[in-house]
Amino acid sequence: MHLPLPVQVRNQARVHLWFPQKFGIPFTPLASSLEMLGRYASKTHAVAAQLGPDGVLRFHALLGLDDIFSFRVTPNPVPANRAAHEAKAARAKAAWPELTVLPWDDC
């Protein structure tokens, strides 16, 4: 399928196996893929799409969509993963200079 912009698909079922080594903080296994949305380092990235059996595409945004529509990257303090927020925010800012990035200390 051709999409007009890049999309990253991630399987979250095994994240608890590599996360502590990569980020130095514990990560309990997920009960569902939607649970992961509450653990993203940036609230802005915590959005999922699901194709239902009826062919309808549904979006899930447990932390809201305000940041996306405001073109803003906001930290999520729940996972205590400042390094991931700052790295993702820097990559996004490089692609979209007009993006506003809120610092970790503001959360």
PDB file of N, CA and C in Angstrom:
ATOM      1  N   MET A   1       0.833  -1.169   0.000  1.00  0.00           N
ATOM      2  CA  MET A   1       0.000   0.000   0.000  1.00  0.00           C
ATOM      3  C   MET A   1       0.890   1.249   0.000  1.00  0.00           C
ATOM      4  N   HIS A   2       0.592   2.195  -0.852  1.00  0.00           N
ATOM      5  CA  HIS A   2       1.347   3.447  -0.899  1.00  0.00           C
ATOM      6  C   HIS A   2       0.681   4.475   0.008  1.00  0.00           C
ATOM      7  N   LEU A   3       1.488   5.085   0.865  1.00  0.00           N
ATOM      8  CA  LEU A   3       0.999   6.144   1.743  1.00  0.00           C
ATOM      9  C   LEU A   3       1.768   7.425   1.437  1.00  0.00           C
ATOM     10  N   PRO A   4       1.162   8.588   1.586  1.00  0.00           N
ATOM     11  CA  PRO A   4       1.825   9.842   1.239  1.00  0.00           C
ATOM     12  C   PRO A   4       2.897  10.277   2.236  1.00  0.00           C
ATOM     13  N   LEU A   5       3.058   9.561   3.334  1.00  0.00           N
ATOM     14  CA  LEU A   5       4.079   9.890   4.323  1.00  0.00           C
ATOM     15  C   LEU A   5       4.553   8.605   4.975  1.00  0.00           C
ATOM     16  N   PRO A   6       5.743   8.645   5.601  1.00  0.00           N
ATOM     17  CA  PRO A   6       6.255   7.418   6.213  1.00  0.00           C
ATOM     18  C   PRO A   6       5.448   7.014   7.446  1.00  0.00           C
ATOM     19  N   VAL A   7       5.245   5.716   7.591  1.00  0.00           N
ATOM     20  CA  VAL A   7       4.535   5.158   8.734  1.00  0.00           C
ATOM     21  C   VAL A   7       5.420   4.067   9.325  1.00  0.00           C
ATOM     22  N   GLN A   8       5.550   4.058  10.652  1.00  0.00           N
ATOM     23  CA  GLN A   8       6.324   3.021  11.319  1.00  0.00           C
ATOM     24  C   GLN A   8       5.367   2.092  12.056  1.00  0.00           C
ATOM     25  N   VAL A   9       5.488   0.819  11.784  1.00  0.00           N
ATOM     26  CA  VAL A   9       4.667  -0.187  12.449  1.00  0.00           C
ATOM     27  C   VAL A   9       5.561  -0.895  13.454  1.00  0.00           C
ATOM     28  N   ARG A  10       5.072  -1.013  14.677  1.00  0.00           N
ATOM     29  CA  ARG A  10       5.867  -1.635  15.735  1.00  0.00           C
ATOM     30  C   ARG A  10       5.055  -2.724  16.434  1.00  0.00           C
ATOM     31  N   ASN A  11       5.721  -3.830  16.752  1.00  0.00           N
ATOM     32  CA  ASN A  11       5.127  -4.892  17.557  1.00  0.00           C
ATOM     33  C   ASN A  11       5.640  -4.698  18.980  1.00  0.00           C
ATOM     34  N   GLN A  12       4.741  -4.423  19.921  1.00  0.00           N
ATOM     35  CA  GLN A  12       5.137  -4.105  21.283  1.00  0.00           C
ATOM     36  C   GLN A  12       5.208  -5.321  22.210  1.00  0.00           C
ATOM     37  N   ALA A  13       4.905  -6.508  21.704  1.00  0.00           N
ATOM     38  CA  ALA A  13       4.811  -7.692  22.556  1.00  0.00           C
ATOM     39  C   ALA A  13       6.138  -8.059  23.224  1.00  0.00           C
ATOM     40  N   ARG A  14       7.262  -7.701  22.623  1.00  0.00           N
ATOM     41  CA  ARG A  14       8.556  -8.116  23.164  1.00  0.00           C
ATOM     42  C   ARG A  14       9.381  -6.947  23.709  1.00  0.00           C
ATOM     43  N   VAL A  15       8.794  -5.772  23.802  1.00  0.00           N
ATOM     44  CA  VAL A  15       9.546  -4.594  24.222  1.00  0.00           C
ATOM     45  C   VAL A  15      10.150  -4.763  25.618  1.00  0.00           C
ATOM     46  N   HIS A  16       9.473  -5.480  26.500  1.00  0.00           N
ATOM     47  CA  HIS A  16       9.991  -5.665  27.858  1.00  0.00           C
ATOM     48  C   HIS A  16      11.304  -6.456  27.884  1.00  0.00           C
ATOM     49  N   LEU A  17      11.615  -7.167  26.812  1.00  0.00           N
ATOM     50  CA  LEU A  17      12.845  -7.964  26.755  1.00  0.00           C
ATOM     51  C   LEU A  17      14.075  -7.119  26.446  1.00  0.00           C
ATOM     52  N   TRP A  18      13.935  -6.071  25.653  1.00  0.00           N
ATOM     53  CA  TRP A  18      15.097  -5.263  25.261  1.00  0.00           C
ATOM     54  C   TRP A  18      15.118  -3.871  25.890  1.00  0.00           C
ATOM     55  N   PHE A  19      14.001  -3.391  26.372  1.00  0.00           N
ATOM     56  CA  PHE A  19      13.895  -2.029  26.888  1.00  0.00           C
ATOM     57  C   PHE A  19      14.858  -1.729  28.045  1.00  0.00           C
ATOM     58  N   PRO A  20      14.941  -2.564  29.086  1.00  0.00           N
ATOM     59  CA  PRO A  20      15.842  -2.248  30.201  1.00  0.00           C
ATOM     60  C   PRO A  20      17.302  -2.112  29.776  1.00  0.00           C
ATOM     61  N   GLN A  21      17.741  -2.942  28.859  1.00  0.00           N
ATOM     62  CA  GLN A  21      19.128  -2.868  28.404  1.00  0.00           C
ATOM     63  C   GLN A  21      19.371  -1.599  27.596  1.00  0.00           C
ATOM     64  N   LYS A  22      18.415  -1.215  26.774  1.00  0.00           N
ATOM     65  CA  LYS A  22      18.583  -0.036  25.916  1.00  0.00           C
ATOM     66  C   LYS A  22      18.461   1.269  26.697  1.00  0.00           C
ATOM     67  N   PHE A  23      17.498   1.338  27.632  1.00  0.00           N
ATOM     68  CA  PHE A  23      17.218   2.597  28.313  1.00  0.00           C
ATOM     69  C   PHE A  23      17.603   2.625  29.786  1.00  0.00           C
ATOM     70  N   GLY A  24      17.966   1.477  30.361  1.00  0.00           N
ATOM     71  CA  GLY A  24      18.409   1.444  31.744  1.00  0.00           C
ATOM     72  C   GLY A  24      17.308   1.578  32.781  1.00  0.00           C
ATOM     73  N   ILE A  25      16.070   1.375  32.381  1.00  0.00           N
ATOM     74  CA  ILE A  25      14.956   1.408  33.328  1.00  0.00           C
ATOM     75  C   ILE A  25      14.081   0.184  33.082  1.00  0.00           C
ATOM     76  N   PRO A  26      13.428  -0.325  34.139  1.00  0.00           N
ATOM     77  CA  PRO A  26      12.606  -1.539  33.976  1.00  0.00           C
ATOM     78  C   PRO A  26      11.368  -1.284  33.129  1.00  0.00           C
ATOM     79  N   PHE A  27      10.870  -2.362  32.574  1.00  0.00           N
ATOM     80  CA  PHE A  27       9.666  -2.282  31.741  1.00  0.00           C
ATOM     81  C   PHE A  27       8.874  -3.555  31.939  1.00  0.00           C
ATOM     82  N   THR A  28       7.719  -3.453  32.589  1.00  0.00           N
ATOM     83  CA  THR A  28       6.892  -4.634  32.815  1.00  0.00           C
ATOM     84  C   THR A  28       6.214  -5.045  31.510  1.00  0.00           C
ATOM     85  N   PRO A  29       5.981  -6.339  31.328  1.00  0.00           N
ATOM     86  CA  PRO A  29       5.308  -6.795  30.103  1.00  0.00           C
ATOM     87  C   PRO A  29       3.939  -6.146  29.942  1.00  0.00           C
ATOM     88  N   LEU A  30       3.545  -5.990  28.707  1.00  0.00           N
ATOM     89  CA  LEU A  30       2.265  -5.365  28.383  1.00  0.00           C
ATOM     90  C   LEU A  30       1.142  -6.393  28.375  1.00  0.00           C
ATOM     91  N   ALA A  31      -0.029  -5.963  28.808  1.00  0.00           N
ATOM     92  CA  ALA A  31      -1.206  -6.823  28.742  1.00  0.00           C
ATOM     93  C   ALA A  31      -1.867  -6.723  27.374  1.00  0.00           C
ATOM     94  N   SER A  32      -1.634  -5.605  26.677  1.00  0.00           N
ATOM     95  CA  SER A  32      -2.204  -5.406  25.344  1.00  0.00           C
ATOM     96  C   SER A  32      -1.367  -4.373  24.604  1.00  0.00           C
ATOM     97  N   SER A  33      -1.502  -4.332  23.299  1.00  0.00           N
ATOM     98  CA  SER A  33      -0.757  -3.338  22.528  1.00  0.00           C
ATOM     99  C   SER A  33      -1.241  -1.928  22.835  1.00  0.00           C
ATOM    100  N   LEU A  34      -2.515  -1.758  23.155  1.00  0.00           N
ATOM    101  CA  LEU A  34      -3.018  -0.425  23.492  1.00  0.00           C
ATOM    102  C   LEU A  34      -2.446   0.091  24.809  1.00  0.00           C
ATOM    103  N   GLU A  35      -2.079  -0.811  25.709  1.00  0.00           N
ATOM    104  CA  GLU A  35      -1.455  -0.387  26.967  1.00  0.00           C
ATOM    105  C   GLU A  35      -0.164   0.377  26.707  1.00  0.00           C
ATOM    106  N   MET A  36       0.527   0.033  25.647  1.00  0.00           N
ATOM    107  CA  MET A  36       1.791   0.688  25.320  1.00  0.00           C
ATOM    108  C   MET A  36       1.612   2.186  25.095  1.00  0.00           C
ATOM    109  N   LEU A  37       0.456   2.604  24.634  1.00  0.00           N
ATOM    110  CA  LEU A  37       0.237   4.017  24.343  1.00  0.00           C
ATOM    111  C   LEU A  37       0.473   4.899  25.565  1.00  0.00           C
ATOM    112  N   GLY A  38       0.194   4.404  26.738  1.00  0.00           N
ATOM    113  CA  GLY A  38       0.419   5.175  27.951  1.00  0.00           C
ATOM    114  C   GLY A  38       1.869   5.224  28.388  1.00  0.00           C
ATOM    115  N   ARG A  39       2.725   4.435  27.726  1.00  0.00           N
ATOM    116  CA  ARG A  39       4.136   4.355  28.128  1.00  0.00           C
ATOM    117  C   ARG A  39       5.094   4.997  27.118  1.00  0.00           C
ATOM    118  N   TYR A  40       4.577   5.609  26.076  1.00  0.00           N
ATOM    119  CA  TYR A  40       5.466   6.278  25.123  1.00  0.00           C
ATOM    120  C   TYR A  40       6.157   7.455  25.806  1.00  0.00           C
ATOM    121  N   ALA A  41       7.399   7.708  25.459  1.00  0.00           N
ATOM    122  CA  ALA A  41       8.167   8.785  26.076  1.00  0.00           C
ATOM    123  C   ALA A  41       7.603  10.163  25.746  1.00  0.00           C
ATOM    124  N   SER A  42       6.970  10.285  24.589  1.00  0.00           N
ATOM    125  CA  SER A  42       6.346  11.547  24.195  1.00  0.00           C
ATOM    126  C   SER A  42       4.867  11.307  23.954  1.00  0.00           C
ATOM    127  N   LYS A  43       4.027  12.128  24.562  1.00  0.00           N
ATOM    128  CA  LYS A  43       2.580  11.990  24.414  1.00  0.00           C
ATOM    129  C   LYS A  43       2.169  12.083  22.946  1.00  0.00           C
ATOM    130  N   THR A  44       2.892  12.865  22.197  1.00  0.00           N
ATOM    131  CA  THR A  44       2.587  13.109  20.796  1.00  0.00           C
ATOM    132  C   THR A  44       2.621  11.831  19.970  1.00  0.00           C
ATOM    133  N   HIS A  45       3.504  10.903  20.304  1.00  0.00           N
ATOM    134  CA  HIS A  45       3.683   9.683  19.521  1.00  0.00           C
ATOM    135  C   HIS A  45       2.750   8.556  19.942  1.00  0.00           C
ATOM    136  N   ALA A  46       1.965   8.760  20.974  1.00  0.00           N
ATOM    137  CA  ALA A  46       1.132   7.703  21.532  1.00  0.00           C
ATOM    138  C   ALA A  46      -0.205   7.588  20.801  1.00  0.00           C
ATOM    139  N   VAL A  47      -0.124   7.224  19.543  1.00  0.00           N
ATOM    140  CA  VAL A  47      -1.314   7.067  18.705  1.00  0.00           C
ATOM    141  C   VAL A  47      -1.199   5.740  17.958  1.00  0.00           C
ATOM    142  N   ALA A  48      -2.293   5.016  17.902  1.00  0.00           N
ATOM    143  CA  ALA A  48      -2.296   3.738  17.197  1.00  0.00           C
ATOM    144  C   ALA A  48      -3.481   3.682  16.238  1.00  0.00           C
ATOM    145  N   ALA A  49      -3.306   2.936  15.174  1.00  0.00           N
ATOM    146  CA  ALA A  49      -4.386   2.696  14.217  1.00  0.00           C
ATOM    147  C   ALA A  49      -4.669   1.203  14.211  1.00  0.00           C
ATOM    148  N   GLN A  50      -5.936   0.871  14.094  1.00  0.00           N
ATOM    149  CA  GLN A  50      -6.357  -0.531  14.099  1.00  0.00           C
ATOM    150  C   GLN A  50      -7.389  -0.737  12.997  1.00  0.00           C
ATOM    151  N   LEU A  51      -7.131  -1.697  12.151  1.00  0.00           N
ATOM    152  CA  LEU A  51      -8.084  -2.048  11.105  1.00  0.00           C
ATOM    153  C   LEU A  51      -9.027  -3.099  11.666  1.00  0.00           C
ATOM    154  N   GLY A  52     -10.285  -2.738  11.798  1.00  0.00           N
ATOM    155  CA  GLY A  52     -11.287  -3.645  12.364  1.00  0.00           C
ATOM    156  C   GLY A  52     -11.720  -4.709  11.375  1.00  0.00           C
ATOM    157  N   PRO A  53     -12.384  -5.741  11.862  1.00  0.00           N
ATOM    158  CA  PRO A  53     -12.860  -6.816  10.982  1.00  0.00           C
ATOM    159  C   PRO A  53     -13.873  -6.323   9.953  1.00  0.00           C
ATOM    160  N   ASP A  54     -14.450  -5.161  10.226  1.00  0.00           N
ATOM    161  CA  ASP A  54     -15.410  -4.569   9.294  1.00  0.00           C
ATOM    162  C   ASP A  54     -14.735  -3.694   8.240  1.00  0.00           C
ATOM    163  N   GLY A  55     -13.380  -3.639   8.285  1.00  0.00           N
ATOM    164  CA  GLY A  55     -12.636  -2.849   7.322  1.00  0.00           C
ATOM    165  C   GLY A  55     -12.520  -1.377   7.680  1.00  0.00           C
ATOM    166  N   VAL A  56     -13.010  -0.999   8.843  1.00  0.00           N
ATOM    167  CA  VAL A  56     -12.960   0.393   9.277  1.00  0.00           C
ATOM    168  C   VAL A  56     -11.677   0.625  10.076  1.00  0.00           C
ATOM    169  N   LEU A  57     -10.980   1.697   9.751  1.00  0.00           N
ATOM    170  CA  LEU A  57      -9.761   2.073  10.449  1.00  0.00           C
ATOM    171  C   LEU A  57     -10.130   2.895  11.677  1.00  0.00           C
ATOM    172  N   ARG A  58      -9.676   2.439  12.843  1.00  0.00           N
ATOM    173  CA  ARG A  58      -9.945   3.135  14.098  1.00  0.00           C
ATOM    174  C   ARG A  58      -8.632   3.634  14.685  1.00  0.00           C
ATOM    175  N   PHE A  59      -8.681   4.824  15.255  1.00  0.00           N
ATOM    176  CA  PHE A  59      -7.502   5.410  15.883  1.00  0.00           C
ATOM    177  C   PHE A  59      -7.682   5.421  17.388  1.00  0.00           C
ATOM    178  N   HIS A  60      -6.581   5.174  18.083  1.00  0.00           N
ATOM    179  CA  HIS A  60      -6.569   5.183  19.543  1.00  0.00           C
ATOM    180  C   HIS A  60      -5.514   6.188  19.986  1.00  0.00           C
ATOM    181  N   ALA A  61      -5.899   7.090  20.869  1.00  0.00           N
ATOM    182  CA  ALA A  61      -4.974   8.102  21.393  1.00  0.00           C
ATOM    183  C   ALA A  61      -5.310   8.324  22.858  1.00  0.00           C
ATOM    184  N   LEU A  62      -4.793   7.450  23.717  1.00  0.00           N
ATOM    185  CA  LEU A  62      -5.119   7.519  25.139  1.00  0.00           C
ATOM    186  C   LEU A  62      -4.682   8.833  25.774  1.00  0.00           C
ATOM    187  N   LEU A  63      -3.652   9.462  25.226  1.00  0.00           N
ATOM    188  CA  LEU A  63      -3.144  10.717  25.779  1.00  0.00           C
ATOM    189  C   LEU A  63      -3.630  11.922  24.982  1.00  0.00           C
ATOM    190  N   GLY A  64      -4.544  11.703  24.063  1.00  0.00           N
ATOM    191  CA  GLY A  64      -5.138  12.793  23.302  1.00  0.00           C
ATOM    192  C   GLY A  64      -4.415  13.092  21.995  1.00  0.00           C
ATOM    193  N   LEU A  65      -5.025  13.990  21.228  1.00  0.00           N
ATOM    194  CA  LEU A  65      -4.488  14.379  19.922  1.00  0.00           C
ATOM    195  C   LEU A  65      -4.103  15.859  19.861  1.00  0.00           C
ATOM    196  N   ASP A  66      -4.283  16.582  20.958  1.00  0.00           N
ATOM    197  CA  ASP A  66      -3.990  18.018  20.958  1.00  0.00           C
ATOM    198  C   ASP A  66      -2.569  18.330  20.494  1.00  0.00           C
ATOM    199  N   ASP A  67      -1.595  17.547  20.963  1.00  0.00           N
ATOM    200  CA  ASP A  67      -0.202  17.811  20.593  1.00  0.00           C
ATOM    201  C   ASP A  67       0.035  17.636  19.094  1.00  0.00           C
ATOM    202  N   ILE A  68      -0.556  16.619  18.515  1.00  0.00           N
ATOM    203  CA  ILE A  68      -0.379  16.391  17.077  1.00  0.00           C
ATOM    204  C   ILE A  68      -0.955  17.558  16.288  1.00  0.00           C
ATOM    205  N   PHE A  69      -2.176  17.946  16.630  1.00  0.00           N
ATOM    206  CA  PHE A  69      -2.821  19.029  15.884  1.00  0.00           C
ATOM    207  C   PHE A  69      -2.208  20.394  16.182  1.00  0.00           C
ATOM    208  N   SER A  70      -1.467  20.499  17.285  1.00  0.00           N
ATOM    209  CA  SER A  70      -0.772  21.747  17.623  1.00  0.00           C
ATOM    210  C   SER A  70       0.675  21.746  17.131  1.00  0.00           C
ATOM    211  N   PHE A  71       1.087  20.664  16.485  1.00  0.00           N
ATOM    212  CA  PHE A  71       2.442  20.498  15.967  1.00  0.00           C
ATOM    213  C   PHE A  71       3.463  20.671  17.090  1.00  0.00           C
ATOM    214  N   ARG A  72       3.244  19.893  18.166  1.00  0.00           N
ATOM    215  CA  ARG A  72       4.026  20.007  19.385  1.00  0.00           C
ATOM    216  C   ARG A  72       4.392  18.608  19.879  1.00  0.00           C
ATOM    217  N   VAL A  73       5.626  18.459  20.363  1.00  0.00           N
ATOM    218  CA  VAL A  73       6.069  17.209  20.983  1.00  0.00           C
ATOM    219  C   VAL A  73       6.138  17.460  22.489  1.00  0.00           C
ATOM    220  N   THR A  74       5.338  16.698  23.236  1.00  0.00           N
ATOM    221  CA  THR A  74       5.219  16.876  24.678  1.00  0.00           C
ATOM    222  C   THR A  74       5.689  15.622  25.402  1.00  0.00           C
ATOM    223  N   PRO A  75       6.530  15.778  26.429  1.00  0.00           N
ATOM    224  CA  PRO A  75       7.002  14.592  27.154  1.00  0.00           C
ATOM    225  C   PRO A  75       5.896  13.921  27.956  1.00  0.00           C
ATOM    226  N   ASN A  76       6.052  12.622  28.134  1.00  0.00           N
ATOM    227  CA  ASN A  76       5.153  11.839  28.981  1.00  0.00           C
ATOM    228  C   ASN A  76       5.988  11.371  30.174  1.00  0.00           C
ATOM    229  N   PRO A  77       5.741  11.898  31.374  1.00  0.00           N
ATOM    230  CA  PRO A  77       6.586  11.534  32.526  1.00  0.00           C
ATOM    231  C   PRO A  77       6.361  10.121  33.057  1.00  0.00           C
ATOM    232  N   VAL A  78       5.300   9.445  32.628  1.00  0.00           N
ATOM    233  CA  VAL A  78       4.973   8.126  33.173  1.00  0.00           C
ATOM    234  C   VAL A  78       6.117   7.124  33.013  1.00  0.00           C
ATOM    235  N   PRO A  79       6.731   6.986  31.836  1.00  0.00           N
ATOM    236  CA  PRO A  79       7.797   5.993  31.734  1.00  0.00           C
ATOM    237  C   PRO A  79       9.151   6.480  32.252  1.00  0.00           C
ATOM    238  N   ALA A  80       9.254   7.745  32.667  1.00  0.00           N
ATOM    239  CA  ALA A  80      10.522   8.306  33.157  1.00  0.00           C
ATOM    240  C   ALA A  80      11.653   8.059  32.159  1.00  0.00           C
ATOM    241  N   ASN A  81      11.389   8.327  30.891  1.00  0.00           N
ATOM    242  CA  ASN A  81      12.362   8.060  29.840  1.00  0.00           C
ATOM    243  C   ASN A  81      12.722   9.351  29.105  1.00  0.00           C
ATOM    244  N   ARG A  82      13.391  10.226  29.800  1.00  0.00           N
ATOM    245  CA  ARG A  82      13.796  11.517  29.261  1.00  0.00           C
ATOM    246  C   ARG A  82      14.647  11.361  27.999  1.00  0.00           C
ATOM    247  N   ALA A  83      15.580  10.423  28.018  1.00  0.00           N
ATOM    248  CA  ALA A  83      16.483  10.240  26.874  1.00  0.00           C
ATOM    249  C   ALA A  83      15.715   9.918  25.594  1.00  0.00           C
ATOM    250  N   ALA A  84      14.717   9.052  25.685  1.00  0.00           N
ATOM    251  CA  ALA A  84      13.943   8.699  24.493  1.00  0.00           C
ATOM    252  C   ALA A  84      13.128   9.892  24.008  1.00  0.00           C
ATOM    253  N   HIS A  85      12.523  10.627  24.928  1.00  0.00           N
ATOM    254  CA  HIS A  85      11.755  11.820  24.525  1.00  0.00           C
ATOM    255  C   HIS A  85      12.661  12.804  23.795  1.00  0.00           C
ATOM    256  N   GLU A  86      13.825  13.092  24.354  1.00  0.00           N
ATOM    257  CA  GLU A  86      14.722  14.072  23.740  1.00  0.00           C
ATOM    258  C   GLU A  86      15.243  13.615  22.390  1.00  0.00           C
ATOM    259  N   ALA A  87      15.546  12.331  22.252  1.00  0.00           N
ATOM    260  CA  ALA A  87      16.036  11.809  20.967  1.00  0.00           C
ATOM    261  C   ALA A  87      14.938  11.865  19.905  1.00  0.00           C
ATOM    262  N   LYS A  88      13.737  11.428  20.247  1.00  0.00           N
ATOM    263  CA  LYS A  88      12.630  11.458  19.282  1.00  0.00           C
ATOM    264  C   LYS A  88      12.266  12.893  18.917  1.00  0.00           C
ATOM    265  N   ALA A  89      12.278  13.773  19.902  1.00  0.00           N
ATOM    266  CA  ALA A  89      11.953  15.176  19.640  1.00  0.00           C
ATOM    267  C   ALA A  89      12.985  15.808  18.712  1.00  0.00           C
ATOM    268  N   ALA A  90      14.253  15.492  18.902  1.00  0.00           N
ATOM    269  CA  ALA A  90      15.304  16.039  18.041  1.00  0.00           C
ATOM    270  C   ALA A  90      15.149  15.544  16.601  1.00  0.00           C
ATOM    271  N   ARG A  91      14.827  14.261  16.422  1.00  0.00           N
ATOM    272  CA  ARG A  91      14.612  13.736  15.065  1.00  0.00           C
ATOM    273  C   ARG A  91      13.414  14.407  14.406  1.00  0.00           C
ATOM    274  N   ALA A  92      12.342  14.577  15.158  1.00  0.00           N
ATOM    275  CA  ALA A  92      11.144  15.225  14.611  1.00  0.00           C
ATOM    276  C   ALA A  92      11.419  16.680  14.259  1.00  0.00           C
ATOM    277  N   LYS A  93      12.141  17.378  15.119  1.00  0.00           N
ATOM    278  CA  LYS A  93      12.453  18.794  14.890  1.00  0.00           C
ATOM    279  C   LYS A  93      13.339  18.954  13.654  1.00  0.00           C
ATOM    280  N   ALA A  94      14.227  18.005  13.414  1.00  0.00           N
ATOM    281  CA  ALA A  94      15.082  18.058  12.227  1.00  0.00           C
ATOM    282  C   ALA A  94      14.243  17.933  10.948  1.00  0.00           C
ATOM    283  N   ALA A  95      13.200  17.125  11.012  1.00  0.00           N
ATOM    284  CA  ALA A  95      12.329  16.938   9.845  1.00  0.00           C
ATOM    285  C   ALA A  95      11.348  18.090   9.677  1.00  0.00           C
ATOM    286  N   TRP A  96      10.869  18.634  10.799  1.00  0.00           N
ATOM    287  CA  TRP A  96       9.871  19.716  10.785  1.00  0.00           C
ATOM    288  C   TRP A  96      10.353  20.847  11.687  1.00  0.00           C
ATOM    289  N   PRO A  97      11.159  21.764  11.187  1.00  0.00           N
ATOM    290  CA  PRO A  97      11.721  22.839  12.025  1.00  0.00           C
ATOM    291  C   PRO A  97      10.664  23.696  12.720  1.00  0.00           C
ATOM    292  N   GLU A  98       9.477  23.765  12.170  1.00  0.00           N
ATOM    293  CA  GLU A  98       8.419  24.581  12.773  1.00  0.00           C
ATOM    294  C   GLU A  98       7.773  23.913  13.993  1.00  0.00           C
ATOM    295  N   LEU A  99       8.159  22.700  14.292  1.00  0.00           N
ATOM    296  CA  LEU A  99       7.632  21.942  15.423  1.00  0.00           C
ATOM    297  C   LEU A  99       8.061  22.590  16.739  1.00  0.00           C
ATOM    298  N   THR A 100       7.165  22.604  17.713  1.00  0.00           N
ATOM    299  CA  THR A 100       7.498  23.070  19.063  1.00  0.00           C
ATOM    300  C   THR A 100       7.790  21.841  19.901  1.00  0.00           C
ATOM    301  N   VAL A 101       8.920  21.853  20.599  1.00  0.00           N
ATOM    302  CA  VAL A 101       9.304  20.745  21.458  1.00  0.00           C
ATOM    303  C   VAL A 101       9.304  21.245  22.902  1.00  0.00           C
ATOM    304  N   LEU A 102       8.464  20.631  23.733  1.00  0.00           N
ATOM    305  CA  LEU A 102       8.437  20.993  25.137  1.00  0.00           C
ATOM    306  C   LEU A 102       9.516  20.190  25.867  1.00  0.00           C
ATOM    307  N   PRO A 103      10.305  20.858  26.692  1.00  0.00           N
ATOM    308  CA  PRO A 103      11.374  20.145  27.407  1.00  0.00           C
ATOM    309  C   PRO A 103      10.844  19.230  28.501  1.00  0.00           C
ATOM    310  N   TRP A 104      11.637  18.236  28.838  1.00  0.00           N
ATOM    311  CA  TRP A 104      11.268  17.267  29.854  1.00  0.00           C
ATOM    312  C   TRP A 104      10.934  17.940  31.184  1.00  0.00           C
ATOM    313  N   ASP A 105      11.668  18.974  31.521  1.00  0.00           N
ATOM    314  CA  ASP A 105      11.484  19.642  32.818  1.00  0.00           C
ATOM    315  C   ASP A 105      10.119  20.304  32.945  1.00  0.00           C
ATOM    316  N   ASP A 106       9.397  20.483  31.848  1.00  0.00           N
ATOM    317  CA  ASP A 106       8.070  21.112  31.889  1.00  0.00           C
ATOM    318  C   ASP A 106       6.947  20.123  32.181  1.00  0.00           C
ATOM    319  N   CYS A 107       7.280  18.825  32.298  1.00  0.00           N
ATOM    320  CA  CYS A 107       6.187  17.863  32.473  1.00  0.00           C
ATOM    321  C   CYS A 107       5.894  17.567  33.938  1.00  0.00           C
TER     322      CYS A 107
END
